[in-house]
Protein backbone atom coordinates (compact mmCIF):
# COMPACT_ATOMS: atom_id res chain seq x y z
CA MET A 1 51.38 1.43 37.10
CA GLU A 2 54.11 -0.47 38.94
CA ALA A 3 54.38 -3.70 40.88
CA THR A 4 56.98 -4.34 43.57
CA ALA A 5 58.42 -7.44 45.22
CA LYS A 6 60.77 -7.54 48.22
CA ALA A 7 63.02 -10.24 49.63
CA LYS A 8 64.34 -9.51 53.11
CA TYR A 9 67.20 -11.06 55.08
CA VAL A 10 68.73 -12.83 52.07
CA ARG A 11 72.05 -14.37 53.13
CA ILE A 12 74.25 -12.72 50.52
CA SER A 13 76.37 -9.62 50.67
CA PRO A 14 74.63 -6.54 49.26
CA ARG A 15 77.78 -5.67 47.34
CA LYS A 16 77.64 -8.98 45.47
CA ALA A 17 73.89 -8.74 44.89
CA GLN A 18 74.14 -5.19 43.50
CA ILE A 19 76.47 -6.41 40.72
CA VAL A 20 73.75 -8.72 39.40
CA CYS A 21 71.08 -6.04 39.92
CA GLU A 22 72.99 -3.74 37.58
CA LEU A 23 72.94 -6.45 34.88
CA ILE A 24 69.14 -6.64 34.72
CA LYS A 25 68.04 -3.08 35.52
CA GLY A 26 66.05 -1.56 32.64
CA LYS A 27 65.74 -4.86 30.76
CA ASP A 28 62.64 -6.71 29.57
CA THR A 29 61.54 -9.38 32.08
CA LYS A 30 61.97 -12.32 29.68
CA TYR A 31 65.47 -11.12 28.73
CA ALA A 32 66.34 -10.50 32.41
CA GLU A 33 65.18 -14.02 33.28
CA ALA A 34 67.51 -15.44 30.62
CA ILE A 35 70.39 -13.35 31.99
CA LEU A 36 69.75 -14.55 35.56
CA ARG A 37 69.53 -18.21 34.50
CA ASN A 38 72.93 -18.02 32.76
CA THR A 39 74.85 -15.82 35.20
CA PRO A 40 77.19 -17.84 37.44
CA LYS A 41 76.76 -15.57 40.47
CA ALA A 42 75.28 -16.58 43.81
CA ALA A 43 72.86 -13.63 43.77
CA SER A 44 71.20 -14.70 40.52
CA GLU A 45 69.10 -17.42 42.23
CA PRO A 46 67.32 -15.17 44.79
CA LEU A 47 66.95 -12.42 42.17
CA LEU A 48 65.33 -14.86 39.73
CA LYS A 49 62.86 -15.85 42.42
CA LEU A 50 62.21 -12.17 43.14
CA LEU A 51 61.68 -11.43 39.43
CA LYS A 52 59.05 -14.17 39.18
CA SER A 53 57.34 -12.79 42.28
CA ALA A 54 57.28 -9.24 40.91
CA CYS A 55 55.82 -10.46 37.59
CA ALA A 56 53.16 -12.46 39.44
CA ASN A 57 52.30 -9.40 41.55
CA ALA A 58 51.94 -7.30 38.40
CA GLU A 59 49.71 -9.87 36.73
CA ASN A 60 47.48 -10.75 39.69
CA ASN A 61 47.27 -7.54 41.72
CA ASN A 62 47.46 -4.85 39.03
CA GLU A 63 46.15 -6.77 35.98
CA MET A 64 49.19 -5.95 33.84
CA ASP A 65 50.24 -7.93 30.77
CA PRO A 66 53.10 -10.26 31.87
CA ASP A 67 54.69 -10.24 28.39
CA ASN A 68 54.94 -6.44 28.36
CA LEU A 69 56.91 -5.82 31.60
CA VAL A 70 60.23 -4.03 32.15
CA ILE A 71 62.37 -3.93 35.29
CA THR A 72 62.40 -0.29 36.35
CA GLU A 73 64.19 -0.66 39.68
CA CYS A 74 66.39 -3.31 41.28
CA ILE A 75 68.13 -2.49 44.55
CA ALA A 76 70.18 -4.46 47.08
CA THR A 77 70.46 -2.73 50.45
CA ALA A 78 72.21 -3.91 53.58
CA GLY A 79 70.33 -5.95 56.14
CA PRO A 80 71.48 -6.93 59.63
CA ILE A 81 74.96 -8.43 59.99
CA LEU A 82 75.41 -11.81 61.68
CA LYS A 83 78.59 -11.56 63.75
CA ARG A 84 80.66 -14.72 64.11
CA GLY A 85 84.15 -15.39 65.42
CA GLN A 86 87.27 -17.13 64.17
CA PRO A 87 89.67 -18.40 66.87
CA ARG A 88 93.21 -17.11 66.42
CA ALA A 89 96.55 -17.43 68.18
CA HIS A 90 97.04 -16.48 71.85
CA GLY A 91 93.37 -16.89 72.70
CA ARG A 92 92.21 -14.07 70.46
CA MET A 93 89.12 -14.00 68.31
CA PHE A 94 88.79 -12.40 64.87
CA ARG A 95 85.34 -11.25 63.83
CA ILE A 96 83.65 -12.64 60.74
CA ASN A 97 80.72 -10.59 59.43
CA LYS A 98 78.05 -12.64 57.67
CA ARG A 99 76.19 -9.97 55.73
CA THR A 100 72.53 -10.06 54.68
CA SER A 101 70.61 -8.11 52.05
CA HIS A 102 67.18 -6.68 51.44
CA LEU A 103 66.35 -6.99 47.74
CA THR A 104 63.70 -4.81 46.07
CA MET A 105 62.50 -5.15 42.48
CA THR A 106 59.94 -3.00 40.68
CA VAL A 107 58.41 -3.82 37.30
CA ALA A 108 56.22 -1.64 35.07
CA GLU A 109 54.57 -1.96 31.67
CA LYS A 110 56.40 -0.71 28.58
CA GLU A 111 55.31 2.67 27.31
């Protein structure tokens, strides 16, 4: 049995979020929480919130044991891009892409 949590339109680049996802994939939830609390990356805060949500979903919706959970899947995919401009010389405008992410985390009980 698995429980999933999703966070959509998170204002962080999916490339940066995927780095932190790779750190916690396949780990025990308590160990992953410790990793996220001590990782100095911007993506660790929304992923910690998502981890707590996935554990709560597993406990409340699927009646799983919260102490016996493992992260089976953690994915950061690209969301919509907010397009902004930076004024440059001679009246030109350079585009600045403010990227967003959709984060998905799945937890399951240990075998």
